[in-house]
């Protein structure tokens, strides 16, 4: 059974952190939805910071034609961000499963 949001809808579209780099190479935008202090402490290379609380104002500035991958610390906030983006018409929105915790465990590079 997949994750459910507060309204009981299935939240899907997760990818492993190891897949994020290849998605970025193919043109996907990686958006880190954590707070500034979390991002500054260490983030995935190429990730753009857009805290979850500001995402709804930022989504209209993005092209719905691009794939967008969301990442946070554990995968919870980025799951919410993925659902927000899908409701806004982004059909290619994905969640980086496990967030930066999984990213770090996978030994992927972290920019500080």
Protein backbone atom coordinates (compact mmCIF):
# COMPACT_ATOMS: atom_id res chain seq x y z
CA UNK A 1 0.00 0.00 0.00
CA UNK A 2 1.39 3.41 -0.98
CA UNK A 3 1.54 6.62 1.00
CA UNK A 4 -1.71 8.54 1.36
CA UNK A 5 -2.11 12.29 1.73
CA UNK A 6 -4.44 13.95 4.23
CA UNK A 7 -7.39 13.56 1.86
CA UNK A 8 -6.77 9.86 1.35
CA UNK A 9 -5.36 10.12 -2.17
CA UNK A 10 -2.51 7.85 -3.17
CA UNK A 11 0.81 9.67 -3.39
CA UNK A 12 3.20 7.94 -5.80
CA UNK A 13 5.96 8.72 -8.23
CA UNK A 14 8.96 8.05 -6.04
CA UNK A 15 12.43 7.47 -7.40
CA UNK A 16 15.56 6.28 -5.64
CA UNK A 17 18.19 8.94 -4.88
CA UNK A 18 20.60 7.09 -7.17
CA UNK A 19 18.21 7.82 -10.08
CA UNK A 20 18.09 11.57 -9.45
CA UNK A 21 21.42 12.36 -11.11
CA UNK A 22 20.42 10.62 -14.37
CA UNK A 23 17.08 12.47 -14.30
CA UNK A 24 18.95 15.77 -13.84
CA UNK A 25 21.24 14.88 -16.76
CA UNK A 26 18.10 14.35 -18.85
CA UNK A 27 16.84 17.83 -17.95
CA UNK A 28 14.88 17.32 -14.74
CA UNK A 29 14.82 20.14 -12.22
CA UNK A 30 15.72 19.12 -8.66
CA UNK A 31 13.95 21.21 -6.03
CA UNK A 32 14.91 21.01 -2.36
CA UNK A 33 11.84 21.90 -0.27
CA UNK A 34 13.63 22.10 3.09
CA UNK A 35 14.32 25.31 4.97
CA UNK A 36 17.36 27.48 4.15
CA UNK A 37 19.40 26.36 7.18
CA UNK A 38 18.88 22.68 6.23
CA UNK A 39 19.88 23.36 2.62
CA UNK A 40 22.99 25.27 3.72
CA UNK A 41 24.04 22.35 5.94
CA UNK A 42 24.24 20.12 2.85
CA UNK A 43 22.25 19.55 -0.32
CA UNK A 44 22.29 17.53 -3.51
CA UNK A 45 24.41 19.16 -6.24
CA UNK A 46 22.26 21.15 -8.64
CA UNK A 47 19.29 21.35 -6.27
CA UNK A 48 17.40 24.62 -6.20
CA UNK A 49 16.04 25.71 -2.81
CA UNK A 50 12.30 26.42 -2.67
CA UNK A 51 11.03 25.83 0.90
CA UNK A 52 7.72 23.97 0.99
CA UNK A 53 5.95 27.01 2.45
CA UNK A 54 6.83 29.03 -0.67
CA UNK A 55 6.28 26.30 -3.26
CA UNK A 56 2.75 27.33 -4.25
CA UNK A 57 4.05 30.80 -5.21
CA UNK A 58 6.97 29.30 -7.13
CA UNK A 59 5.16 26.61 -9.16
CA UNK A 60 3.58 29.05 -11.67
CA UNK A 61 7.14 30.14 -12.63
CA UNK A 62 8.08 26.61 -13.71
CA UNK A 63 7.40 24.88 -17.02
CA UNK A 64 4.94 22.01 -16.72
CA UNK A 65 6.76 20.36 -19.63
CA UNK A 66 9.85 19.63 -17.52
CA UNK A 67 10.28 16.75 -15.14
CA UNK A 68 10.57 18.03 -11.57
CA UNK A 69 12.06 16.00 -8.71
CA UNK A 70 11.44 17.14 -5.14
CA UNK A 71 13.74 16.33 -2.23
CA UNK A 72 13.68 17.09 1.51
CA UNK A 73 15.30 15.50 4.56
CA UNK A 74 13.30 12.28 4.84
CA UNK A 75 10.90 12.26 1.88
CA UNK A 76 7.81 13.52 3.74
CA UNK A 77 7.82 17.19 2.72
CA UNK A 78 8.90 16.31 -0.80
CA UNK A 79 5.98 13.88 -1.03
CA UNK A 80 3.64 16.76 -0.16
CA UNK A 81 5.45 18.95 -2.72
CA UNK A 82 5.06 16.26 -5.39
CA UNK A 83 1.33 16.07 -4.73
CA UNK A 84 1.02 19.90 -4.80
CA UNK A 85 2.80 20.01 -8.15
CA UNK A 86 0.61 17.28 -9.61
CA UNK A 87 -2.54 19.10 -8.51
CA UNK A 88 -1.11 22.20 -10.22
CA UNK A 89 -0.80 20.28 -13.50
CA UNK A 90 2.77 18.94 -13.34
CA UNK A 91 2.35 15.42 -14.72
CA UNK A 92 6.08 14.67 -14.44
CA UNK A 93 6.58 15.46 -10.73
CA UNK A 94 8.57 12.92 -8.70
CA UNK A 95 9.63 12.48 -5.09
CA UNK A 96 13.22 11.55 -4.18
CA UNK A 97 12.47 8.57 -1.91
CA UNK A 98 13.97 8.89 1.56
CA UNK A 99 15.23 12.42 0.91
CA UNK A 100 18.69 13.57 1.92
CA UNK A 101 18.84 10.84 4.56
CA UNK A 102 18.71 8.18 1.81
CA UNK A 103 20.92 10.33 -0.43
CA UNK A 104 23.61 10.36 2.24
CA UNK A 105 23.25 6.62 2.99
CA UNK A 106 23.72 5.93 -0.74
CA UNK A 107 27.07 7.75 -0.62
CA UNK A 108 25.97 10.36 -3.15
CA UNK A 109 27.79 13.73 -3.23
CA UNK A 110 26.65 16.50 -0.90
CA UNK A 111 27.36 20.16 -1.58
CA UNK A 112 27.97 22.38 1.42
